[in-house]
């Protein structure tokens, strides 16, 4: 969706606007590896039903490790969920910094 016509006065186009926003946010999906507690069956089921799970493994202590593809917004929510660990996130984009390097901002000198 590239354009949405909305009328605030007539409340028209709001569903289309929500769909367009959701579509845009979904474009920023990342691959990640999560570790869930064994008791997180409902969360596991929700991720599977959303089609987000790409792989699954069980650890020796019964926890679940899932390879998922999710939008950043969902990953942020999961990061705040008790018991959920985000083990890794694929950035999906190359950085402009050299390997082992970092980016630093130097503010411009102030005019006197």
Protein backbone atom coordinates (compact mmCIF):
# COMPACT_ATOMS: atom_id res chain seq x y z
CA UNK A 1 0.00 0.00 0.00
CA UNK A 2 1.56 3.28 -1.07
CA UNK A 3 -1.35 5.69 -0.61
CA UNK A 4 -4.36 5.87 1.66
CA UNK A 5 -7.16 8.40 1.47
CA UNK A 6 -8.57 9.34 4.86
CA UNK A 7 -11.49 11.52 5.86
CA UNK A 8 -11.44 12.44 9.52
CA UNK A 9 -14.82 14.15 9.22
CA UNK A 10 -16.49 11.03 7.79
CA UNK A 11 -14.23 8.48 9.49
CA UNK A 12 -13.38 6.95 6.14
CA UNK A 13 -10.17 5.11 5.30
CA UNK A 14 -9.09 4.41 8.87
CA UNK A 15 -8.93 0.63 8.38
CA UNK A 16 -6.86 1.14 5.24
CA UNK A 17 -4.56 3.46 7.17
CA UNK A 18 -4.08 0.85 9.93
CA UNK A 19 -3.34 -1.79 7.29
CA UNK A 20 -0.80 0.47 5.57
CA UNK A 21 0.96 1.21 8.85
CA UNK A 22 1.05 -2.49 9.77
CA UNK A 23 2.44 -3.33 6.33
CA UNK A 24 5.20 -0.74 6.68
CA UNK A 25 6.15 -1.93 10.15
CA UNK A 26 6.24 -5.55 8.98
CA UNK A 27 8.83 -4.61 6.37
CA UNK A 28 11.33 -4.08 9.15
CA UNK A 29 11.26 -7.69 10.29
CA UNK A 30 14.45 -9.24 11.61
CA UNK A 31 15.59 -12.76 12.19
CA UNK A 32 16.23 -13.48 15.85
CA UNK A 33 16.90 -16.40 18.18
CA UNK A 34 14.83 -16.49 21.36
CA UNK A 35 14.99 -18.63 24.48
CA UNK A 36 11.67 -19.25 26.23
CA UNK A 37 10.98 -20.98 29.54
CA UNK A 38 9.38 -24.41 29.29
CA UNK A 39 6.17 -22.96 30.74
CA UNK A 40 5.77 -20.47 27.87
CA UNK A 41 3.62 -22.76 25.75
CA UNK A 42 1.02 -20.07 25.05
CA UNK A 43 3.67 -17.68 23.72
CA UNK A 44 5.18 -20.49 21.62
CA UNK A 45 1.76 -21.26 20.16
CA UNK A 46 1.14 -17.58 19.38
CA UNK A 47 4.46 -17.29 17.54
CA UNK A 48 3.75 -20.45 15.55
CA UNK A 49 0.22 -19.34 14.65
CA UNK A 50 1.60 -16.00 13.44
CA UNK A 51 3.98 -17.87 11.13
CA UNK A 52 6.99 -16.28 12.80
CA UNK A 53 8.87 -19.46 13.76
CA UNK A 54 11.52 -20.71 11.33
CA UNK A 55 13.10 -23.31 13.60
CA UNK A 56 12.87 -24.77 17.08
CA UNK A 57 15.13 -26.65 19.49
CA UNK A 58 14.81 -27.77 23.09
CA UNK A 59 17.70 -27.24 25.50
CA UNK A 60 18.86 -29.87 28.00
CA UNK A 61 17.01 -28.10 30.80
CA UNK A 62 13.71 -28.04 28.85
CA UNK A 63 13.74 -24.46 27.66
CA UNK A 64 12.82 -23.68 24.07
CA UNK A 65 15.02 -21.92 21.54
CA UNK A 66 13.15 -20.51 18.57
CA UNK A 67 14.46 -18.98 15.36
CA UNK A 68 11.91 -16.34 14.45
CA UNK A 69 11.32 -13.53 11.98
CA UNK A 70 9.47 -10.64 13.60
CA UNK A 71 9.07 -6.88 13.24
CA UNK A 72 11.16 -4.76 15.58
CA UNK A 73 8.06 -3.77 17.53
CA UNK A 74 7.32 -7.41 18.38
CA UNK A 75 10.94 -8.10 19.33
CA UNK A 76 10.85 -5.13 21.69
CA UNK A 77 7.70 -6.48 23.34
CA UNK A 78 9.29 -9.91 23.71
CA UNK A 79 12.41 -8.34 25.24
CA UNK A 80 10.19 -6.99 28.03
CA UNK A 81 8.47 -10.33 28.62
CA UNK A 82 9.62 -12.03 31.83
CA UNK A 83 11.58 -15.22 31.19
CA UNK A 84 12.16 -14.50 27.49
CA UNK A 85 15.77 -14.06 26.39
CA UNK A 86 16.75 -12.67 23.01
CA UNK A 87 19.95 -14.54 22.21
CA UNK A 88 20.74 -12.89 18.89
CA UNK A 89 19.25 -10.53 16.32
CA UNK A 90 20.28 -10.34 12.69
CA UNK A 91 20.46 -6.67 11.81
CA UNK A 92 19.57 -7.39 8.20
CA UNK A 93 21.68 -4.51 7.04
CA UNK A 94 25.37 -3.86 6.76
CA UNK A 95 26.80 -1.03 8.80
CA UNK A 96 29.13 1.62 7.50
CA UNK A 97 31.61 0.96 10.31
CA UNK A 98 34.59 -1.29 9.66
CA UNK A 99 34.67 -4.64 11.50
CA UNK A 100 35.50 -3.96 15.14
CA UNK A 101 34.99 -0.25 14.57
CA UNK A 102 32.42 2.10 16.02
CA UNK A 103 30.57 5.19 14.99
CA UNK A 104 31.13 8.43 16.84
CA UNK A 105 29.44 11.78 16.52
CA UNK A 106 31.56 14.88 16.89
CA UNK A 107 29.48 18.02 17.29
CA UNK A 108 30.49 20.96 15.13
CA UNK A 109 32.48 23.75 16.76
CA UNK A 110 30.32 26.58 18.02
CA UNK A 111 30.68 29.93 16.37
CA UNK A 112 32.08 32.60 18.66
